Protein backbone atom coordinates (compact mmCIF):
# COMPACT_ATOMS: atom_id res chain seq x y z
CA MET A 1 0.00 0.00 0.00
CA PRO A 2 2.78 2.55 0.75
CA PHE A 3 4.27 1.76 -2.66
CA VAL A 4 0.96 2.48 -4.43
CA ALA A 5 0.59 5.73 -2.50
CA SER A 6 4.14 6.71 -3.44
CA VAL A 7 3.46 6.00 -7.12
CA LEU A 8 0.26 8.07 -7.05
CA VAL A 9 1.94 10.99 -5.29
CA ASP A 10 4.80 10.91 -7.80
CA GLY A 11 2.30 11.05 -10.66
CA VAL A 12 0.43 13.99 -9.14
CA LEU A 13 3.64 15.95 -8.53
CA ALA A 14 4.76 15.41 -12.13
CA ALA A 15 1.27 16.42 -13.27
CA ALA A 16 1.67 19.89 -11.76
CA ILE A 17 4.58 20.68 -14.09
CA TYR A 18 2.84 18.94 -17.00
CA ALA A 19 -0.18 21.19 -16.41
CA LEU A 20 1.99 24.30 -16.41
CA ILE A 21 3.52 23.34 -19.77
CA ALA A 22 0.15 22.40 -21.24
CA LEU A 23 -1.21 25.72 -20.00
CA ALA A 24 1.22 27.51 -22.32
CA PHE A 25 -0.41 25.61 -25.19
CA VAL A 26 -3.95 26.42 -24.02
CA VAL A 27 -3.12 30.13 -23.56
CA VAL A 28 -2.23 30.46 -27.25
CA TYR A 29 -5.24 28.45 -28.38
CA LYS A 30 -7.68 30.34 -26.15
CA ALA A 31 -6.46 33.70 -27.43
CA SER A 32 -5.78 33.07 -31.11
CA ARG A 33 -6.88 29.52 -32.04
CA ILE A 34 -3.27 28.79 -33.09
CA ILE A 35 -1.81 25.36 -32.36
CA ASN A 36 1.84 25.68 -31.31
CA PHE A 37 3.59 22.41 -32.16
CA ALA A 38 6.95 23.86 -31.09
CA LEU A 39 6.07 24.26 -27.42
CA GLY A 40 8.53 21.58 -26.32
CA GLU A 41 11.29 23.57 -28.02
CA TRP A 42 10.08 26.79 -26.35
CA VAL A 43 10.32 25.10 -22.93
CA MET A 44 13.79 23.79 -23.74
CA LEU A 45 14.95 27.22 -24.90
CA GLY A 46 13.57 28.84 -21.76
CA SER A 47 15.39 26.38 -19.50
CA ARG A 48 18.65 26.79 -21.45
CA LEU A 49 18.48 30.59 -21.18
CA ALA A 50 17.82 30.31 -17.44
CA ALA A 51 20.84 27.98 -17.06
CA THR A 52 22.94 30.44 -19.07
CA GLY A 53 22.01 33.34 -16.85
CA ALA A 54 22.44 31.33 -13.64
CA ALA A 55 25.85 29.76 -14.29
CA PRO A 56 28.04 31.19 -17.11
CA MET A 57 26.78 34.77 -16.54
CA GLY A 58 26.95 34.41 -12.74
CA LEU A 59 23.50 35.91 -12.09
CA GLY A 60 22.25 33.16 -9.79
CA LEU A 61 18.92 31.41 -10.17
CA GLY A 62 16.80 34.54 -9.68
CA GLY A 63 18.88 36.54 -12.14
CA GLY A 64 18.87 33.63 -14.57
CA LEU A 65 15.08 33.48 -14.48
CA ALA A 66 14.85 37.23 -15.09
CA PHE A 67 17.37 37.03 -17.95
CA ALA A 68 15.54 34.07 -19.53
CA SER A 69 12.12 35.72 -19.14
CA ALA A 70 13.34 38.92 -20.82
CA GLY A 71 14.90 36.91 -23.63
CA MET A 72 11.82 34.75 -24.19
CA VAL A 73 9.47 37.76 -24.11
CA ALA A 74 11.61 39.49 -26.75
CA PHE A 75 11.71 36.30 -28.82
CA ALA A 76 7.93 35.81 -28.48
CA ILE A 77 7.08 39.38 -29.52
CA ALA A 78 9.44 39.15 -32.51
CA TRP A 79 7.92 35.79 -33.49
CA ASN A 80 4.43 37.26 -33.39
CA ARG A 81 5.21 40.45 -35.29
CA VAL A 82 7.70 39.16 -37.84
CA VAL A 83 6.14 35.77 -38.65
CA LEU A 84 2.60 35.30 -37.38
CA GLN A 85 1.22 38.65 -38.50
CA ARG A 86 2.30 37.79 -42.04
CA MET A 87 0.37 34.52 -41.80
CA ILE A 88 -3.03 36.13 -41.12
CA GLY A 89 -5.62 34.76 -43.51
CA ARG A 90 -3.46 31.80 -44.54
CA PRO A 91 -4.77 28.19 -44.25
CA LEU A 92 -4.46 26.47 -40.88
CA ILE A 93 -1.95 23.96 -42.25
CA SER A 94 0.39 26.88 -43.02
CA MET A 95 0.30 27.98 -39.38
CA ILE A 96 0.99 24.42 -38.22
CA MET A 97 3.95 24.00 -40.58
CA VAL A 98 5.41 27.33 -39.45
CA THR A 99 5.42 26.24 -35.79
CA ILE A 100 6.93 22.86 -36.72
CA GLY A 101 9.63 24.62 -38.71
CA LEU A 102 10.32 26.94 -35.79
CA GLY A 103 10.81 23.93 -33.53
CA ALA A 104 13.39 22.46 -35.90
CA VAL A 105 15.25 25.78 -36.05
CA ILE A 106 15.28 26.13 -32.24
CA ARG A 107 16.60 22.57 -31.79
CA GLY A 108 19.43 23.11 -34.24
CA ALA A 109 20.36 26.58 -33.02
CA ALA A 110 20.22 25.57 -29.34
CA ALA A 111 22.61 22.67 -29.87
CA LEU A 112 25.18 25.12 -31.25
CA SER A 113 24.51 28.08 -28.97
CA PHE A 114 24.43 26.35 -25.58
CA ARG A 115 27.29 23.89 -25.93
CA GLY A 116 29.20 25.19 -22.90
CA VAL A 117 26.16 25.67 -20.67
CA PRO A 118 25.63 23.16 -17.81
CA LEU A 119 22.78 20.77 -18.51
CA ALA A 120 21.32 21.11 -15.02
CA VAL A 121 19.73 24.22 -13.54
CA PRO A 122 20.86 24.90 -9.95
CA SER A 123 18.06 23.82 -7.64
CA PRO A 124 17.15 25.98 -4.61
CA PHE A 125 15.17 23.11 -3.10
CA PRO A 126 16.51 20.74 -0.41
CA ASP A 127 17.47 17.18 -1.32
CA GLU A 128 16.01 15.52 1.78
CA PRO A 129 12.65 13.77 1.31
CA VAL A 130 9.58 14.97 3.17
CA SER A 131 7.16 12.58 4.88
CA LEU A 132 3.50 13.10 3.92
CA ALA A 133 1.14 10.74 5.77
CA GLY A 134 3.90 8.16 5.90
CA VAL A 135 4.89 8.56 2.23
CA LEU A 136 8.39 9.88 1.52
CA VAL A 137 8.22 12.59 -1.13
CA PRO A 138 11.28 14.29 -2.69
CA ALA A 139 11.32 17.84 -1.37
CA ASP A 140 12.42 19.29 -4.71
CA ARG A 141 9.48 17.72 -6.54
CA LEU A 142 7.06 18.89 -3.87
CA ALA A 143 8.38 22.45 -4.03
CA ALA A 144 8.36 22.46 -7.84
CA ALA A 145 4.76 21.24 -7.87
CA ALA A 146 3.80 23.99 -5.40
CA VAL A 147 5.41 26.70 -7.56
CA ALA A 148 3.72 25.29 -10.69
CA SER A 149 0.33 25.24 -8.93
CA VAL A 150 0.68 28.90 -7.91
CA ALA A 151 1.61 29.85 -11.48
CA ILE A 152 -1.42 27.98 -12.85
CA ALA A 153 -3.71 29.74 -10.37
CA LEU A 154 -2.29 33.14 -11.38
CA VAL A 155 -2.82 32.45 -15.10
CA ALA A 156 -6.41 31.29 -14.46
CA TRP A 157 -7.03 34.48 -12.44
CA PHE A 158 -5.50 36.56 -15.22
CA PHE A 159 -7.83 35.11 -17.86
CA HIS A 160 -11.01 35.30 -15.81
CA ARG A 161 -10.54 38.39 -13.60
CA THR A 162 -8.65 41.00 -15.64
CA ARG A 163 -9.66 43.22 -18.55
CA THR A 164 -6.75 41.95 -20.63
CA GLY A 165 -7.78 38.34 -20.02
CA LEU A 166 -11.36 39.18 -21.00
CA ALA A 167 -10.08 40.86 -24.17
CA LEU A 168 -8.02 37.78 -25.03
CA ARG A 169 -11.04 35.50 -24.61
CA ALA A 170 -13.16 37.85 -26.71
CA THR A 171 -10.50 37.86 -29.42
CA ALA A 172 -10.51 34.06 -29.50
CA ASP A 173 -14.29 33.93 -29.88
CA ASP A 174 -14.54 36.45 -32.72
CA GLN A 175 -11.63 38.60 -33.92
CA GLN A 176 -13.77 40.88 -36.07
CA ALA A 177 -16.19 41.59 -33.22
CA ALA A 178 -13.25 42.21 -30.89
CA MET A 179 -11.76 44.76 -33.29
CA ALA A 180 -15.19 46.39 -33.67
CA VAL A 181 -15.32 47.15 -29.93
CA GLY A 182 -11.81 48.64 -29.93
CA ILE A 183 -9.58 45.72 -28.91
CA ASP A 184 -6.06 46.00 -30.31
CA ILE A 185 -5.62 42.51 -31.75
CA ASP A 186 -1.89 42.80 -32.49
CA ARG A 187 -1.13 44.10 -28.99
CA HIS A 188 -3.07 41.32 -27.30
CA PHE A 189 -1.49 38.64 -29.47
CA SER A 190 1.92 39.97 -28.40
CA ILE A 191 0.80 39.74 -24.76
CA THR A 192 -0.32 36.15 -25.35
CA TRP A 193 3.00 35.03 -26.81
CA ALA A 194 4.95 36.94 -24.14
CA LEU A 195 2.98 35.03 -21.51
CA VAL A 196 3.84 31.77 -23.29
CA GLY A 197 7.51 32.74 -23.17
CA ILE A 198 7.40 33.36 -19.40
CA LEU A 199 5.52 30.11 -18.76
CA SER A 200 8.09 28.26 -20.88
CA VAL A 201 10.92 29.64 -18.76
CA LEU A 202 9.22 28.72 -15.48
CA ALA A 203 8.13 25.25 -16.58
CA GLY A 204 11.47 24.41 -18.20
CA THR A 205 13.44 25.61 -15.18
CA LEU A 206 11.27 23.67 -12.73
CA TRP A 207 11.59 20.49 -14.76
CA ALA A 208 15.33 20.93 -15.27
CA SER A 209 15.92 21.61 -11.56
CA VAL A 210 14.10 18.39 -10.64
CA THR A 211 15.27 16.00 -13.37
CA GLY A 212 18.57 17.49 -14.52
CA GLY A 213 17.17 19.05 -17.68
CA GLY A 214 19.34 19.52 -20.73
CA PHE A 215 18.13 19.34 -24.31
CA GLY A 216 15.90 16.38 -23.40
CA VAL A 217 13.38 18.89 -22.00
CA VAL A 218 12.09 19.21 -25.56
CA LEU A 219 10.57 15.71 -25.23
CA LEU A 220 8.03 17.14 -22.79
CA GLY A 221 6.21 18.39 -25.85
CA LEU A 222 5.27 14.79 -26.65
CA LYS A 223 3.34 14.57 -23.36
CA LEU A 224 1.59 17.85 -24.01
CA PHE A 225 -0.92 16.81 -26.66
CA PRO A 226 -2.61 13.95 -24.79
CA ILE A 227 -3.10 16.34 -21.86
CA VAL A 228 -4.73 19.15 -23.83
CA ILE A 229 -6.85 16.80 -25.95
CA ILE A 230 -8.09 14.82 -22.95
CA GLY A 231 -8.79 17.94 -20.90
CA GLY A 232 -10.08 20.16 -23.69
CA LEU A 233 -8.12 22.49 -25.96
CA ASP A 234 -9.68 25.69 -24.60
CA SER A 235 -10.18 24.77 -20.95
CA ILE A 236 -7.73 25.69 -18.19
CA GLY A 237 -9.57 23.48 -15.70
CA GLY A 238 -9.57 20.64 -18.21
CA THR A 239 -5.83 21.07 -18.67
CA ILE A 240 -5.31 20.51 -14.94
CA VAL A 241 -7.53 17.43 -14.89
CA GLY A 242 -5.89 16.05 -18.04
CA ALA A 243 -2.42 16.59 -16.57
CA VAL A 244 -3.34 14.74 -13.38
CA LEU A 245 -4.82 11.83 -15.35
CA VAL A 246 -1.76 11.60 -17.61
CA GLY A 247 0.71 11.98 -14.72
CA VAL A 248 -0.95 9.30 -12.59
CA LEU A 249 -1.46 6.94 -15.54
CA GLU A 250 2.15 7.34 -16.62
CA SER A 251 3.41 6.70 -13.09
CA LEU A 252 1.23 3.60 -12.63
CA ALA A 253 2.13 2.21 -16.05
CA ALA A 254 5.85 2.79 -15.45
CA SER A 255 5.67 0.96 -12.11
CA TYR A 256 3.40 -1.96 -13.02
CA LEU A 257 3.26 -2.38 -16.81
CA ASP A 258 6.77 -1.46 -17.95
CA PRO A 259 8.36 -4.44 -16.11
CA LEU A 260 5.90 -6.78 -17.88
CA LEU A 261 5.57 -5.21 -21.33
CA GLY A 262 8.92 -3.48 -21.69
CA GLY A 263 10.27 -0.06 -20.88
CA GLY A 264 8.49 2.87 -22.46
CA PHE A 265 4.99 1.35 -22.45
CA SER A 266 3.92 4.14 -20.07
CA LEU A 267 4.14 6.58 -22.99
CA VAL A 268 2.13 4.25 -25.21
CA ALA A 269 -0.55 3.83 -22.54
CA VAL A 270 -1.14 7.59 -22.49
CA TYR A 271 -1.64 7.68 -26.25
CA LEU A 272 -4.02 4.71 -26.10
CA VAL A 273 -6.18 6.73 -23.72
CA LEU A 274 -5.91 9.65 -26.15
CA VAL A 275 -7.20 7.51 -29.03
CA VAL A 276 -10.16 6.35 -26.92
CA MET A 277 -10.94 9.96 -25.99
CA LEU A 278 -10.90 11.02 -29.65
CA PHE A 279 -13.52 8.37 -30.41
CA VAL A 280 -15.73 9.02 -27.38
CA ARG A 281 -15.43 12.77 -26.81
CA PRO A 282 -13.16 14.43 -29.38
CA TRP A 283 -13.50 17.90 -27.85
CA GLY A 284 -12.16 16.67 -24.50
CA LEU A 285 -13.61 16.34 -21.02
CA PHE A 286 -14.14 20.06 -20.50
CA GLY A 287 -13.74 21.46 -24.00
CA ARG A 288 -16.56 23.10 -25.91
CA PRO A 289 -17.85 21.30 -29.02
CA THR A 290 -17.99 23.40 -32.16
CA ILE A 291 -21.63 24.10 -33.01
CA GLU A 292 -22.42 25.41 -36.46
CA ARG A 293 -25.78 26.46 -37.79
CA VAL A 294 -26.54 24.81 -41.12
């Protein structure tokens, strides 16, 4: 029984960081209906910039986070204004291919640009495990999950309780109507991508501080899509639920099924659930189905 509890807790703690990464995907989709297939590369770039600021530049973890956030915000605004604004009115497949191409460019450029940067991000969390109801939990994972949960709560508050968040949701529903009431679409799209850049830095740094990071952070993008599809592409609450389901399922499958069926089946199990969800409820648990009047 303690082993099962430990496996479940481990899955929930991982789910907090998964949810934060998936939230960066949902933020873009909620505001602009754009699907960012390069989010794994964004998270990797954010973590590498944070590691650069923390170690080679000698800024410490706080300074590294500030340096990475400024860099990612500048990158996000340039990406929106230089590339995405030129893609307005183009077919959806063009937008998808642009994000895929961006991911390939980031992977190649990062491998050359960050060769001398340490793979790990210095962790401010203690190494000693913490006992929760008799279950030993790594303190760094617990702290990272707490930070991720606070960040998720702040983003949810931003979207539902601020004028900018309301404007972003209005823009996603109908861009022409939003422009008609005076919403600056370009400005709010820049805000959206800047927020994605900051979330990428935070999520990538948390993951790298817990697991060691490096360029393998980009693989987190593979776990993103089952989460957002299961939870619902435009639902922040659904993203949290989907992340918990994926995190727990992955942890259980890695502990019980991988020894029987071979290593790596935990990833396959998540995608099997995704396929079932696409058949049963393609818009996700909390997503809104598209209703069109014929």
